[in-house]
N, C-alpha and C. Protein backbone atom coordinates (compact mmCIF):
# COMPACT_ATOMS: atom_id res chain seq x y z
N UNK A 1 2.49 -47.73 5.37
CA UNK A 1 1.16 -47.08 5.19
C UNK A 1 1.02 -45.95 3.02
N UNK A 2 -0.18 -46.62 2.61
CA UNK A 2 -0.03 -46.00 1.25
C UNK A 2 -1.24 -44.82 1.47
N UNK A 3 0.45 -43.14 1.15
CA UNK A 3 -1.69 -42.14 0.85
C UNK A 3 -1.52 -41.93 -0.59
N UNK A 4 -2.36 -41.32 -0.56
CA UNK A 4 -2.50 -40.87 -2.13
C UNK A 4 -1.70 -39.72 -2.84
N UNK A 5 -1.02 -39.73 -3.39
CA UNK A 5 -0.07 -38.18 -3.46
C UNK A 5 -0.12 -36.92 -3.78
N UNK A 6 -1.52 -36.73 -3.89
CA UNK A 6 -2.03 -35.30 -4.21
C UNK A 6 -2.85 -35.25 -2.12
N UNK A 7 -2.08 -35.93 -1.00
CA UNK A 7 -2.10 -35.85 0.30
C UNK A 7 -1.28 -35.54 0.88
N UNK A 8 -0.66 -35.62 0.33
CA UNK A 8 0.98 -35.13 1.06
C UNK A 8 2.21 -34.39 0.70
N UNK A 9 2.92 -33.36 0.98
CA UNK A 9 3.48 -32.59 0.50
C UNK A 9 4.88 -32.65 0.73
N UNK A 10 6.18 -32.80 -0.07
CA UNK A 10 7.72 -32.89 0.12
C UNK A 10 8.34 -31.56 1.20
N UNK A 11 8.29 -32.14 2.63
CA UNK A 11 9.12 -31.32 2.80
C UNK A 11 10.53 -30.35 3.04
N UNK A 12 10.32 -29.25 2.59
CA UNK A 12 11.57 -28.52 1.92
C UNK A 12 13.12 -29.01 2.53
N UNK A 13 14.35 -29.41 1.96
CA UNK A 13 15.65 -29.53 2.47
C UNK A 13 16.09 -28.31 3.50
N UNK A 14 15.93 -28.69 5.18
CA UNK A 14 16.67 -27.66 5.51
C UNK A 14 15.49 -26.83 6.87
N UNK A 15 14.32 -27.73 6.03
CA UNK A 15 12.91 -27.73 7.56
C UNK A 15 12.89 -28.35 8.19
N UNK A 16 12.69 -27.86 9.74
CA UNK A 16 12.87 -29.03 11.02
C UNK A 16 11.25 -29.42 10.78
N UNK A 17 11.73 -30.69 11.44
CA UNK A 17 10.69 -31.37 11.16
C UNK A 17 9.57 -30.74 12.35
N UNK A 18 9.88 -30.04 13.27
CA UNK A 18 8.41 -29.55 14.29
C UNK A 18 8.23 -28.05 13.81
N UNK A 19 8.98 -27.54 12.33
CA UNK A 19 8.25 -26.67 11.64
C UNK A 19 7.48 -27.33 10.85
N UNK A 20 8.07 -27.83 10.15
CA UNK A 20 7.08 -28.47 9.12
C UNK A 20 5.79 -28.66 9.99
N UNK A 21 5.45 -29.45 10.72
CA UNK A 21 4.33 -29.59 11.20
C UNK A 21 3.41 -28.62 11.70
N UNK A 22 3.68 -27.54 11.25
CA UNK A 22 2.82 -26.39 11.22
C UNK A 22 2.18 -25.47 9.97
N UNK A 23 2.42 -26.72 9.04
CA UNK A 23 2.86 -25.96 7.33
C UNK A 23 1.04 -25.91 7.63
N UNK A 24 0.37 -26.93 8.41
CA UNK A 24 -1.63 -27.25 7.99
C UNK A 24 -1.84 -25.80 8.61
N UNK A 25 -1.85 -25.46 10.08
CA UNK A 25 -2.39 -23.97 10.53
C UNK A 25 -1.70 -23.15 9.60
N UNK A 26 -0.53 -22.89 9.51
CA UNK A 26 -0.03 -22.20 8.62
C UNK A 26 -0.88 -21.69 6.83
N UNK A 27 -0.86 -22.82 6.60
CA UNK A 27 -1.89 -22.69 5.07
C UNK A 27 -3.51 -22.27 5.53
N UNK A 28 -3.52 -22.36 6.29
CA UNK A 28 -5.13 -21.94 6.27
C UNK A 28 -4.70 -21.11 6.70
N UNK A 29 -3.90 -20.28 7.63
CA UNK A 29 -4.48 -18.96 7.99
C UNK A 29 -3.70 -17.94 6.63
N UNK A 30 -2.36 -18.80 6.08
CA UNK A 30 -2.52 -17.77 4.26
C UNK A 30 -4.11 -17.80 3.09
N UNK A 31 -4.80 -19.50 3.31
CA UNK A 31 -5.36 -18.53 2.62
C UNK A 31 -6.55 -17.63 2.95
N UNK A 32 -6.83 -17.71 4.69
CA UNK A 32 -7.61 -16.14 5.25
C UNK A 32 -7.29 -14.77 4.97
N UNK A 33 -5.92 -14.60 5.05
CA UNK A 33 -5.00 -13.84 4.81
C UNK A 33 -5.72 -13.82 2.80
N UNK A 34 -5.56 -14.52 1.81
CA UNK A 34 -5.95 -14.37 0.81
C UNK A 34 -7.00 -13.74 0.74
N UNK A 35 -7.84 -14.26 1.41
CA UNK A 35 -9.77 -14.17 1.74
C UNK A 35 -10.03 -12.91 1.84
N UNK A 36 -9.64 -12.39 3.03
CA UNK A 36 -9.35 -10.97 3.78
C UNK A 36 -9.09 -9.67 2.67
N UNK A 37 -7.90 -10.07 1.47
CA UNK A 37 -7.21 -8.58 0.12
C UNK A 37 -7.14 -8.17 1.15
N UNK A 38 -5.75 -7.78 2.75
CA UNK A 38 -4.92 -7.11 3.26
C UNK A 38 -5.16 -6.22 2.53
N UNK A 39 -4.80 -4.43 3.02
CA UNK A 39 -4.75 -3.61 2.36
C UNK A 39 -3.32 -2.45 3.16
N UNK A 40 -2.22 -2.31 2.22
CA UNK A 40 -1.34 -1.94 3.58
C UNK A 40 -1.75 -0.46 4.64
N UNK A 41 -1.01 -1.00 5.08
CA UNK A 41 -1.82 -0.18 6.42
C UNK A 41 -2.40 0.24 7.06
N UNK A 42 -3.83 -0.82 7.36
CA UNK A 42 -4.52 -1.41 7.62
C UNK A 42 -4.39 -1.71 9.38
N UNK A 43 -5.42 -1.87 9.75
CA UNK A 43 -5.60 -2.51 11.18
C UNK A 43 -6.86 -4.13 10.99
N UNK A 44 -6.05 -4.97 12.23
CA UNK A 44 -7.19 -5.86 12.30
C UNK A 44 -6.67 -6.56 13.56
N UNK A 45 -8.18 -7.16 13.89
CA UNK A 45 -8.01 -7.78 15.16
C UNK A 45 -8.48 -9.43 14.98
N UNK A 46 -7.71 -9.86 15.82
CA UNK A 46 -7.68 -11.21 15.98
C UNK A 46 -8.48 -11.85 16.69
N UNK A 47 -9.78 -12.49 16.84
CA UNK A 47 -10.58 -12.86 18.66
C UNK A 47 -10.20 -13.93 18.60
N UNK A 48 -9.48 -14.80 20.18
CA UNK A 48 -8.54 -15.69 19.94
C UNK A 48 -7.14 -15.69 20.23
N UNK A 49 -6.26 -16.09 19.83
CA UNK A 49 -5.24 -16.51 20.53
C UNK A 49 -4.37 -18.14 20.38
N UNK A 50 -4.97 -19.17 20.17
CA UNK A 50 -5.24 -20.04 19.85
C UNK A 50 -3.66 -20.48 18.09
N UNK A 51 -3.24 -21.55 17.98
CA UNK A 51 -2.32 -21.86 17.37
C UNK A 51 -2.89 -20.69 15.64
N UNK A 52 -3.21 -20.96 15.79
CA UNK A 52 -4.52 -19.80 14.10
C UNK A 52 -4.38 -18.58 14.57
N UNK A 53 -4.72 -18.25 15.79
CA UNK A 53 -4.58 -16.46 16.31
C UNK A 53 -3.24 -15.83 16.04
N UNK A 54 -2.27 -16.70 16.75
CA UNK A 54 -0.77 -16.90 16.88
C UNK A 54 -0.40 -16.42 15.78
N UNK A 55 -0.24 -17.30 15.03
CA UNK A 55 0.17 -17.56 13.49
C UNK A 55 -0.18 -15.74 12.33
N UNK A 56 -1.50 -15.67 12.62
CA UNK A 56 -2.10 -14.36 12.41
C UNK A 56 -1.17 -13.37 12.88
N UNK A 57 -0.80 -13.72 14.32
CA UNK A 57 -0.50 -12.16 14.99
C UNK A 57 1.17 -12.72 14.07
N UNK A 58 1.88 -13.37 13.94
CA UNK A 58 2.80 -13.37 13.36
C UNK A 58 3.03 -12.59 11.83
N UNK A 59 1.80 -13.88 10.73
CA UNK A 59 1.93 -12.69 9.78
C UNK A 59 0.91 -11.21 9.08
N UNK A 60 0.52 -11.28 9.85
CA UNK A 60 -0.40 -9.45 9.14
C UNK A 60 0.91 -9.19 9.07
N UNK A 61 1.76 -8.92 10.43
CA UNK A 61 2.72 -7.46 9.80
C UNK A 61 3.08 -7.93 8.73
N UNK A 62 3.36 -8.78 8.26
CA UNK A 62 4.12 -9.18 7.25
C UNK A 62 3.40 -8.96 5.98
N UNK A 63 2.20 -8.87 5.92
CA UNK A 63 1.27 -8.34 4.75
C UNK A 63 1.13 -7.05 4.44
N UNK A 64 1.46 -5.98 5.25
CA UNK A 64 1.41 -4.35 5.36
C UNK A 64 0.16 -4.29 6.69
N UNK A 65 -0.34 -5.00 7.43
CA UNK A 65 -0.54 -4.72 8.93
C UNK A 65 0.10 -3.83 9.64
N UNK A 66 -0.46 -2.06 10.33
CA UNK A 66 0.39 -1.67 10.74
C UNK A 66 -0.56 -1.99 11.87
N UNK A 67 -1.27 -3.07 12.31
CA UNK A 67 -1.46 -2.41 13.74
C UNK A 67 -2.34 -4.03 13.77
N UNK A 68 -1.87 -4.42 14.61
CA UNK A 68 -2.74 -5.92 15.27
C UNK A 68 -3.15 -5.87 16.99
N UNK A 69 -4.76 -6.11 17.24
CA UNK A 69 -4.67 -6.37 18.15
C UNK A 69 -5.26 -7.04 18.61
N UNK A 70 -4.66 -8.04 19.93
CA UNK A 70 -5.59 -9.32 19.88
C UNK A 70 -6.10 -9.72 20.90
N UNK A 71 -7.41 -10.29 21.18
CA UNK A 71 -8.34 -10.48 21.98
C UNK A 71 -8.37 -11.86 22.56
N UNK A 72 -7.20 -12.20 23.86
CA UNK A 72 -7.63 -13.57 24.49
C UNK A 72 -7.77 -13.89 26.02
N UNK A 73 -8.07 -14.70 26.75
CA UNK A 73 -8.30 -14.46 28.29
C UNK A 73 -7.43 -15.48 28.40
N UNK A 74 -6.35 -16.09 27.89
CA UNK A 74 -5.29 -17.04 28.96
C UNK A 74 -4.31 -15.92 28.59
N UNK A 75 -3.71 -15.71 29.95
CA UNK A 75 -2.34 -14.26 30.32
C UNK A 75 -0.84 -15.16 28.68
N UNK A 76 -1.02 -16.70 28.86
CA UNK A 76 0.05 -17.44 28.60
C UNK A 76 0.48 -17.22 26.89
N UNK A 77 -1.55 -16.69 26.76
CA UNK A 77 -1.41 -16.48 24.81
C UNK A 77 -1.47 -15.07 24.89
N UNK A 78 -1.71 -14.87 25.48
CA UNK A 78 -1.79 -13.07 25.64
C UNK A 78 -0.18 -12.45 25.75
N UNK A 79 1.06 -13.51 26.09
CA UNK A 79 1.84 -13.23 26.33
C UNK A 79 3.25 -13.47 24.93
N UNK A 80 2.28 -14.26 24.61
CA UNK A 80 2.89 -14.77 23.32
C UNK A 80 2.00 -14.00 22.18
N UNK A 81 1.35 -13.73 22.08
CA UNK A 81 0.95 -12.89 20.78
C UNK A 81 2.16 -11.70 21.35
N UNK A 82 1.81 -10.88 22.40
CA UNK A 82 2.83 -9.37 22.39
C UNK A 82 3.54 -9.84 21.82
N UNK A 83 4.43 -10.92 22.67
CA UNK A 83 5.84 -11.21 21.97
C UNK A 83 6.30 -11.04 20.58
N UNK A 84 4.65 -11.47 19.46
CA UNK A 84 5.23 -11.18 18.23
C UNK A 84 5.08 -9.93 17.56
N UNK A 85 4.35 -9.45 18.72
CA UNK A 85 4.29 -7.69 18.12
C UNK A 85 2.88 -7.38 18.74
N UNK A 86 1.78 -7.79 18.89
CA UNK A 86 0.17 -7.57 18.97
C UNK A 86 -0.17 -6.85 20.00
N UNK A 87 -0.69 -5.79 20.78
CA UNK A 87 -1.29 -4.91 21.14
C UNK A 87 -2.25 -5.97 21.91
N UNK A 88 -2.56 -6.36 23.07
CA UNK A 88 -3.18 -7.53 23.60
C UNK A 88 -4.38 -7.00 24.72
N UNK A 89 -5.10 -7.51 24.71
CA UNK A 89 -6.52 -7.42 25.75
C UNK A 89 -7.30 -8.61 25.90
N UNK A 90 -7.58 -8.81 27.44
CA UNK A 90 -8.30 -9.98 28.04
C UNK A 90 -9.87 -9.56 27.88
N UNK A 91 -10.52 -10.06 27.43
CA UNK A 91 -11.55 -10.17 27.29
C UNK A 91 -12.48 -10.09 28.10
N UNK A 92 -11.84 -10.91 29.41
CA UNK A 92 -12.66 -11.11 29.97
C UNK A 92 -13.63 -10.52 31.09
N UNK A 93 -15.20 -9.71 31.08
CA UNK A 93 -15.77 -9.35 31.71
C UNK A 93 -15.46 -7.83 31.01
N UNK A 94 -14.88 -7.48 30.30
CA UNK A 94 -14.08 -5.95 29.39
C UNK A 94 -15.42 -6.53 28.29
N UNK A 95 -15.35 -4.96 27.86
CA UNK A 95 -16.23 -4.65 26.27
C UNK A 95 -15.09 -4.29 25.02
N UNK A 96 -14.94 -5.98 24.21
CA UNK A 96 -13.89 -5.80 23.31
C UNK A 96 -14.35 -4.55 22.25
N UNK A 97 -15.01 -4.03 21.73
CA UNK A 97 -15.36 -2.60 20.82
C UNK A 97 -15.08 -1.86 21.90
N UNK A 98 -16.17 -1.76 22.91
CA UNK A 98 -14.96 -0.39 23.58
C UNK A 98 -13.72 -0.30 23.04
N UNK A 99 -12.56 -1.50 23.75
CA UNK A 99 -11.19 -1.11 23.45
C UNK A 99 -10.54 -0.93 22.32
N UNK A 100 -11.63 -2.32 21.19
CA UNK A 100 -10.77 -1.88 19.61
C UNK A 100 -11.22 -0.34 19.28
N UNK A 101 -12.34 0.21 20.13
CA UNK A 101 -12.36 1.52 19.81
C UNK A 101 -11.59 2.90 19.74
N UNK A 102 -11.06 2.34 21.00
CA UNK A 102 -9.98 3.16 21.59
C UNK A 102 -8.39 3.16 21.30
N UNK A 103 -8.58 2.30 20.12
CA UNK A 103 -7.21 2.10 20.24
C UNK A 103 -7.46 1.74 18.56
N UNK A 104 -8.57 2.56 18.10
CA UNK A 104 -8.41 2.96 16.62
C UNK A 104 -9.09 4.27 16.35
N UNK A 105 -8.71 4.63 18.01
CA UNK A 105 -9.25 7.00 16.97
C UNK A 105 -10.78 6.95 16.37
N UNK A 106 -11.06 5.32 17.59
CA UNK A 106 -13.20 5.71 17.11
C UNK A 106 -13.99 4.67 16.27
N UNK A 107 -12.56 4.33 15.25
CA UNK A 107 -13.65 3.80 14.10
C UNK A 107 -14.08 2.14 14.51
N UNK A 108 -12.50 1.04 15.11
CA UNK A 108 -12.76 0.03 14.51
C UNK A 108 -12.21 -0.12 13.60
N UNK A 109 -11.42 -2.18 13.59
CA UNK A 109 -10.30 -2.30 12.73
C UNK A 109 -10.93 -2.48 11.28
N UNK A 110 -10.25 -2.28 10.10
CA UNK A 110 -10.46 -2.93 9.03
C UNK A 110 -10.82 -4.41 8.53
N UNK A 111 -10.02 -5.05 9.43
CA UNK A 111 -10.85 -6.42 9.04
C UNK A 111 -10.43 -7.27 11.31
N UNK A 112 -11.65 -7.98 10.49
CA UNK A 112 -10.96 -8.90 11.85
C UNK A 112 -11.50 -10.33 11.85
N UNK A 113 -10.38 -11.28 12.40
CA UNK A 113 -10.38 -12.49 12.21
C UNK A 113 -11.15 -13.28 13.23
N UNK A 114 -12.63 -13.60 13.28
CA UNK A 114 -13.08 -14.88 14.28
C UNK A 114 -11.83 -16.03 14.09
N UNK A 115 -11.20 -16.23 14.92
CA UNK A 115 -9.68 -17.18 14.88
C UNK A 115 -10.64 -18.67 16.39
N UNK A 116 -11.77 -18.20 16.62
CA UNK A 116 -12.05 -19.59 18.23
C UNK A 116 -12.64 -20.05 17.64
N UNK A 117 -13.49 -20.11 16.71
CA UNK A 117 -14.80 -21.43 16.67
C UNK A 117 -16.05 -21.20 17.43
N UNK A 118 -16.52 -20.00 17.42
CA UNK A 118 -17.64 -19.70 18.50
C UNK A 118 -18.24 -18.94 18.84
N UNK A 119 -19.97 -19.27 18.14
CA UNK A 119 -20.88 -18.09 17.66
C UNK A 119 -20.20 -16.12 18.17
N UNK A 120 -19.92 -16.52 20.20
CA UNK A 120 -19.49 -15.49 20.24
C UNK A 120 -18.59 -14.46 19.53
N UNK A 121 -17.76 -15.28 19.67
CA UNK A 121 -16.70 -14.51 18.79
C UNK A 121 -17.26 -13.70 17.51
N UNK A 122 -17.17 -14.68 16.12
CA UNK A 122 -17.98 -13.67 15.47
C UNK A 122 -19.10 -12.58 15.78
N UNK A 123 -19.63 -12.20 16.77
CA UNK A 123 -20.20 -11.23 16.63
C UNK A 123 -19.71 -10.10 18.35
N UNK A 124 -18.55 -10.88 18.40
CA UNK A 124 -17.60 -9.85 18.64
C UNK A 124 -16.78 -9.01 17.74
N UNK A 125 -16.22 -9.91 16.93
CA UNK A 125 -15.43 -9.79 15.67
C UNK A 125 -16.24 -8.81 15.00
N UNK A 126 -18.12 -8.75 14.09
CA UNK A 126 -18.75 -7.97 13.88
C UNK A 126 -18.45 -6.76 14.89
N UNK A 127 -18.83 -6.88 15.98
CA UNK A 127 -19.34 -5.58 16.25
C UNK A 127 -17.97 -4.35 16.41
N UNK A 128 -16.79 -4.96 16.31
CA UNK A 128 -15.77 -4.71 16.57
C UNK A 128 -15.15 -3.87 15.11
N UNK A 129 -15.70 -4.52 14.31
CA UNK A 129 -14.90 -3.93 12.71
C UNK A 129 -16.02 -2.50 11.97
N UNK A 130 -14.37 -2.04 11.20
CA UNK A 130 -15.48 -0.18 11.31
C UNK A 130 -15.98 -0.91 9.96
N UNK A 131 -16.51 0.35 9.61
CA UNK A 131 -17.42 0.60 8.11
C UNK A 131 -16.65 0.48 7.50
N UNK A 132 -17.22 -0.44 5.97
CA UNK A 132 -16.66 -0.71 4.80
C UNK A 132 -15.59 -2.21 5.16
N UNK A 133 -15.54 -2.99 7.02
CA UNK A 133 -14.63 -3.83 6.94
C UNK A 133 -14.89 -4.42 6.70
N UNK A 134 -13.83 -5.54 7.00
CA UNK A 134 -14.38 -7.19 6.42
C UNK A 134 -13.86 -7.85 7.71
N UNK A 135 -15.25 -9.02 7.82
CA UNK A 135 -15.10 -10.16 8.98
C UNK A 135 -14.57 -11.28 8.13
N UNK A 136 -13.37 -11.64 8.79
CA UNK A 136 -12.91 -12.85 7.95
C UNK A 136 -13.05 -14.25 9.19
N UNK A 137 -13.56 -15.40 9.00
CA UNK A 137 -14.32 -16.46 10.08
C UNK A 137 -13.49 -17.66 9.69
N UNK A 138 -12.00 -18.26 10.37
CA UNK A 138 -11.16 -19.00 10.10
C UNK A 138 -10.59 -19.98 11.84
N UNK A 139 -11.85 -19.72 12.61
CA UNK A 139 -12.08 -20.51 13.85
C UNK A 139 -13.16 -21.46 12.63
N UNK A 140 -12.91 -22.83 13.28
CA UNK A 140 -13.86 -24.16 13.50
C UNK A 140 -15.42 -24.13 14.20
N UNK A 141 -15.97 -23.78 14.16
CA UNK A 141 -17.29 -23.90 15.23
C UNK A 141 -18.12 -25.28 15.29
N UNK A 142 -18.74 -25.25 16.00
CA UNK A 142 -19.31 -26.64 15.89
C UNK A 142 -20.83 -26.85 15.14
N UNK A 143 -21.26 -27.30 13.66
CA UNK A 143 -22.27 -27.30 12.97
C UNK A 143 -23.52 -26.82 13.41
N UNK A 144 -23.82 -26.65 15.03
CA UNK A 144 -24.93 -26.54 15.41
C UNK A 144 -24.77 -25.25 15.73
N UNK A 145 -24.27 -24.49 16.41
CA UNK A 145 -23.40 -23.18 16.86
C UNK A 145 -24.08 -22.09 15.38
N UNK A 146 -25.09 -21.47 16.34
CA UNK A 146 -25.97 -20.65 15.19
C UNK A 146 -25.29 -18.87 16.82
N UNK A 147 -24.57 -17.60 15.65
CA UNK A 147 -24.26 -16.58 16.49
C UNK A 147 -25.85 -15.87 15.85
N UNK A 148 -26.22 -14.43 16.88
CA UNK A 148 -27.00 -13.55 16.93
C UNK A 148 -25.98 -12.63 16.39
N UNK A 149 -26.73 -12.68 14.96
CA UNK A 149 -25.84 -11.33 14.42
C UNK A 149 -27.36 -10.33 14.04
N UNK A 150 -26.48 -9.11 14.03
CA UNK A 150 -27.77 -8.31 13.14
C UNK A 150 -27.23 -7.63 11.98
N UNK A 151 -29.04 -7.96 11.31
CA UNK A 151 -28.41 -7.52 9.22
C UNK A 151 -28.46 -6.40 9.67
N UNK A 152 -28.76 -5.05 10.34
CA UNK A 152 -28.52 -3.66 10.18
C UNK A 152 -27.11 -2.96 10.14
N UNK A 153 -26.73 -3.95 11.36
CA UNK A 153 -25.59 -3.43 11.55
C UNK A 153 -24.61 -3.84 9.58
N UNK A 154 -24.62 -5.74 9.72
CA UNK A 154 -24.12 -5.44 8.50
C UNK A 154 -24.90 -4.55 7.21
N UNK A 155 -26.05 -4.08 7.04
CA UNK A 155 -26.30 -3.08 5.69
C UNK A 155 -25.24 -2.00 6.46
N UNK A 156 -25.45 -1.25 7.58
CA UNK A 156 -25.14 -0.46 8.32
C UNK A 156 -23.86 0.01 7.39
N UNK A 157 -22.92 -0.44 7.85
CA UNK A 157 -21.47 -0.68 7.85
C UNK A 157 -20.66 -1.21 7.33
N UNK A 158 -21.58 -1.76 5.82
CA UNK A 158 -21.53 -2.27 4.98
C UNK A 158 -20.19 -3.59 4.70
N UNK A 159 -20.60 -4.23 5.91
CA UNK A 159 -19.62 -5.30 6.47
C UNK A 159 -19.51 -5.92 4.87
N UNK A 160 -18.31 -6.83 4.76
CA UNK A 160 -17.91 -8.31 4.20
C UNK A 160 -17.57 -9.56 4.91
N UNK A 161 -18.18 -10.26 5.37
CA UNK A 161 -18.35 -11.56 5.95
C UNK A 161 -17.96 -12.69 4.95
N UNK A 162 -16.84 -13.15 5.34
CA UNK A 162 -15.91 -14.61 4.26
C UNK A 162 -15.41 -15.33 5.77
N UNK A 163 -15.41 -16.61 4.87
CA UNK A 163 -15.38 -17.46 5.70
C UNK A 163 -13.96 -17.89 5.09
N UNK A 164 -13.35 -18.85 5.36
CA UNK A 164 -11.23 -19.27 4.40
C UNK A 164 -11.78 -20.71 5.63
N UNK A 165 -11.07 -21.53 4.01
CA UNK A 165 -10.79 -22.99 4.13
C UNK A 165 -9.95 -23.83 4.02
N UNK A 166 -8.87 -23.94 5.12
CA UNK A 166 -7.18 -23.77 3.88
C UNK A 166 -7.33 -24.96 2.51
N UNK A 167 -6.99 -24.52 1.75
CA UNK A 167 -6.48 -25.21 0.12
C UNK A 167 -5.36 -25.51 0.29
N UNK A 168 -5.40 -26.60 -0.93
CA UNK A 168 -3.70 -27.64 -0.95
C UNK A 168 -3.28 -26.16 -1.54
N UNK A 169 -3.65 -25.67 -2.83
CA UNK A 169 -2.80 -24.88 -3.00
C UNK A 169 -1.76 -24.07 -1.86
N UNK A 170 -2.07 -23.59 -0.77
CA UNK A 170 -1.24 -22.66 0.22
C UNK A 170 -0.55 -23.48 0.62
N UNK A 171 -0.22 -25.04 1.33
CA UNK A 171 0.12 -25.63 1.59
C UNK A 171 1.96 -25.28 1.48
N UNK A 172 2.62 -25.27 -0.46
CA UNK A 172 3.50 -25.32 -0.87
C UNK A 172 3.90 -23.68 -0.65
N UNK A 173 3.03 -22.93 0.16
CA UNK A 173 3.74 -21.58 0.51
C UNK A 173 3.98 -21.51 1.66
N UNK A 174 3.12 -22.23 2.94
CA UNK A 174 2.81 -22.23 4.09
C UNK A 174 4.14 -22.92 4.45
N UNK A 175 4.94 -24.40 3.22
CA UNK A 175 6.36 -24.46 4.17
C UNK A 175 8.21 -23.48 3.56
N UNK A 176 7.83 -23.03 2.76
CA UNK A 176 8.46 -21.76 1.91
C UNK A 176 8.19 -20.64 2.94
N UNK A 177 7.26 -20.46 3.61
CA UNK A 177 7.61 -19.50 4.47
C UNK A 177 7.39 -19.61 5.88
N UNK A 178 7.54 -21.28 6.24
CA UNK A 178 8.15 -22.08 7.51
C UNK A 178 9.89 -21.35 7.31
N UNK A 179 10.29 -21.88 6.51
CA UNK A 179 11.52 -21.92 6.63
C UNK A 179 12.73 -20.44 6.57
N UNK A 180 11.89 -19.46 6.52
CA UNK A 180 12.20 -18.23 6.56
C UNK A 180 11.62 -17.47 7.62
N UNK A 181 10.02 -17.80 8.23
CA UNK A 181 9.75 -17.33 9.54
C UNK A 181 9.85 -17.79 10.81
N UNK A 182 10.63 -18.69 10.89
CA UNK A 182 10.82 -19.85 11.83
C UNK A 182 9.94 -19.67 12.95
N UNK A 183 8.86 -19.55 13.60
CA UNK A 183 8.00 -18.55 14.55
C UNK A 183 8.05 -20.41 16.16
N UNK A 184 9.76 -20.14 16.54
CA UNK A 184 9.48 -21.92 17.47
C UNK A 184 8.88 -21.26 18.38
N UNK A 185 9.16 -20.02 18.84
CA UNK A 185 8.39 -19.49 20.01
C UNK A 185 6.54 -20.49 19.37
N UNK A 186 6.00 -19.90 19.76
CA UNK A 186 5.42 -21.02 19.49
C UNK A 186 3.94 -22.15 19.44
N UNK A 187 5.49 -23.15 19.34
CA UNK A 187 5.48 -24.65 19.98
C UNK A 187 5.70 -24.55 21.61
N UNK A 188 5.00 -24.38 22.38
CA UNK A 188 4.82 -24.57 23.30
C UNK A 188 5.27 -25.62 24.12
N UNK A 189 5.01 -26.70 23.82
CA UNK A 189 4.80 -28.01 24.39
C UNK A 189 4.85 -29.21 23.87
N UNK A 190 5.64 -30.33 24.11
CA UNK A 190 5.80 -31.57 23.53
C UNK A 190 5.80 -32.43 24.18
N UNK A 191 4.99 -33.97 23.52
CA UNK A 191 4.86 -34.79 24.12
C UNK A 191 4.54 -35.89 23.23
N UNK A 192 5.01 -36.98 23.63
CA UNK A 192 5.54 -38.20 23.47
C UNK A 192 4.62 -39.38 23.00
N UNK A 193 4.66 -40.11 22.03
CA UNK A 193 3.20 -40.85 22.05
C UNK A 193 1.87 -41.74 23.16
N UNK A 194 3.62 -41.66 24.07
CA UNK A 194 2.14 -42.72 25.12
C UNK A 194 1.96 -41.57 26.38
N UNK A 195 1.83 -39.72 25.82
CA UNK A 195 1.40 -38.59 26.50
C UNK A 195 0.38 -38.35 26.01
N UNK A 196 -0.46 -38.99 24.60
CA UNK A 196 -1.67 -38.36 23.87
C UNK A 196 -2.49 -37.01 24.65
N UNK A 197 -2.69 -38.15 25.26
CA UNK A 197 -4.29 -38.33 26.88
C UNK A 197 -3.93 -36.74 27.09
N UNK A 198 -2.72 -36.63 27.73
CA UNK A 198 -2.16 -35.34 28.45
C UNK A 198 -1.84 -34.44 27.74
N UNK A 199 -1.55 -34.31 26.40
CA UNK A 199 -1.06 -33.23 25.31
C UNK A 199 -2.93 -32.74 25.24
N UNK A 200 -3.93 -34.09 24.75
CA UNK A 200 -5.12 -33.48 24.35
C UNK A 200 -5.49 -32.33 25.32
N UNK A 201 -5.40 -32.92 26.71
CA UNK A 201 -5.67 -32.06 27.99
C UNK A 201 -5.07 -30.85 27.97
N UNK A 202 -3.84 -30.65 27.83
CA UNK A 202 -3.45 -29.58 27.61
C UNK A 202 -3.77 -28.56 26.77
N UNK A 203 -4.52 -29.08 25.45
CA UNK A 203 -4.84 -27.90 24.55
C UNK A 203 -6.26 -27.55 24.38
N UNK A 204 -6.61 -28.49 25.01
CA UNK A 204 -8.02 -28.21 25.38
C UNK A 204 -8.82 -27.45 26.74
N UNK A 205 -7.25 -27.12 27.22
CA UNK A 205 -7.66 -26.55 28.20
C UNK A 205 -7.16 -24.73 27.78
N UNK A 206 -7.00 -24.25 26.62
CA UNK A 206 -6.69 -22.69 26.31
C UNK A 206 -5.83 -22.08 26.89
N UNK A 207 -4.36 -22.85 27.35
CA UNK A 207 -3.57 -22.23 27.92
C UNK A 207 -1.96 -22.32 26.80
N UNK A 208 -2.07 -23.29 25.97
CA UNK A 208 -0.69 -23.40 25.40
C UNK A 208 -1.06 -23.02 24.37
N UNK A 209 0.46 -22.73 23.40
CA UNK A 209 0.38 -21.94 22.35
C UNK A 209 -0.05 -23.36 21.17
N UNK A 210 0.92 -23.81 20.39
CA UNK A 210 0.64 -25.09 19.56
C UNK A 210 1.50 -26.51 20.28
N UNK A 211 0.70 -27.01 20.88
CA UNK A 211 0.91 -29.00 21.19
C UNK A 211 1.13 -29.36 19.90
N UNK A 212 2.55 -30.42 19.90
CA UNK A 212 3.17 -30.98 19.48
C UNK A 212 3.44 -32.57 20.00
N UNK A 213 2.87 -33.55 19.15
CA UNK A 213 3.02 -34.98 19.26
C UNK A 213 4.86 -35.20 18.95
N UNK A 214 5.71 -35.80 20.02
CA UNK A 214 6.77 -35.81 19.27
C UNK A 214 7.12 -37.30 19.50
N UNK A 215 7.26 -38.57 18.36
CA UNK A 215 7.32 -39.83 19.02
C UNK A 215 9.28 -40.38 19.14
N UNK A 216 9.26 -40.78 19.78
CA UNK A 216 10.37 -40.93 20.51
C UNK A 216 10.87 -39.99 22.01
N UNK A 217 10.33 -39.27 22.43
CA UNK A 217 10.21 -38.71 23.54
C UNK A 217 9.59 -39.27 24.77
N UNK A 218 10.20 -39.43 26.01
CA UNK A 218 9.84 -40.80 26.94
C UNK A 218 8.82 -40.52 27.62
N UNK A 219 7.84 -40.99 28.16
CA UNK A 219 6.84 -40.29 29.10
C UNK A 219 6.98 -39.58 29.89
N UNK A 220 6.56 -38.03 30.92
CA UNK A 220 6.78 -37.34 31.38
C UNK A 220 6.34 -37.60 32.63
């Protein structure tokens, strides 16, 4: 296989391959944090605790966020986020914005990370953000998706809404960070190449953390 050297990154000595496999989502998360402009002592909401949301729950406290809230319907993913220090919430049949206000003395959060890739998640993030807050869109949505956003809410709360797309410059930082962070608990399942369909099916069900393909593993 021949690959342009600009598209590869050297794995640091001592970094395990399973941790290196987290470099791409970690690089995307670092870009989202950069775009947010985190202030120490702030509050943050993560809508969605897939691999990106779970990585955010690991990294935001290291950036100075005092309180990390996570909204996630999967009990397995909520347990993972809670193990990383987040306060978790099951949004099914409940009012997310009301819960966020109850956890922030009626204010809402300073930063809301939409990590699902859905229109409704973006709407929830906007509703839960405090005056002067920032909404960061890091989830990958269907290009045809459309959100029902209130222009008045953006105006009245003076919100900033930014997108975060992973960039090459954050890959090196991600590799270095993974050498010290070591979020191995985020990897919940490993499959051999013969079990690709099972791995994809598990990931799509939305109950696992990070699902890895590991060449050499025997069929389950």
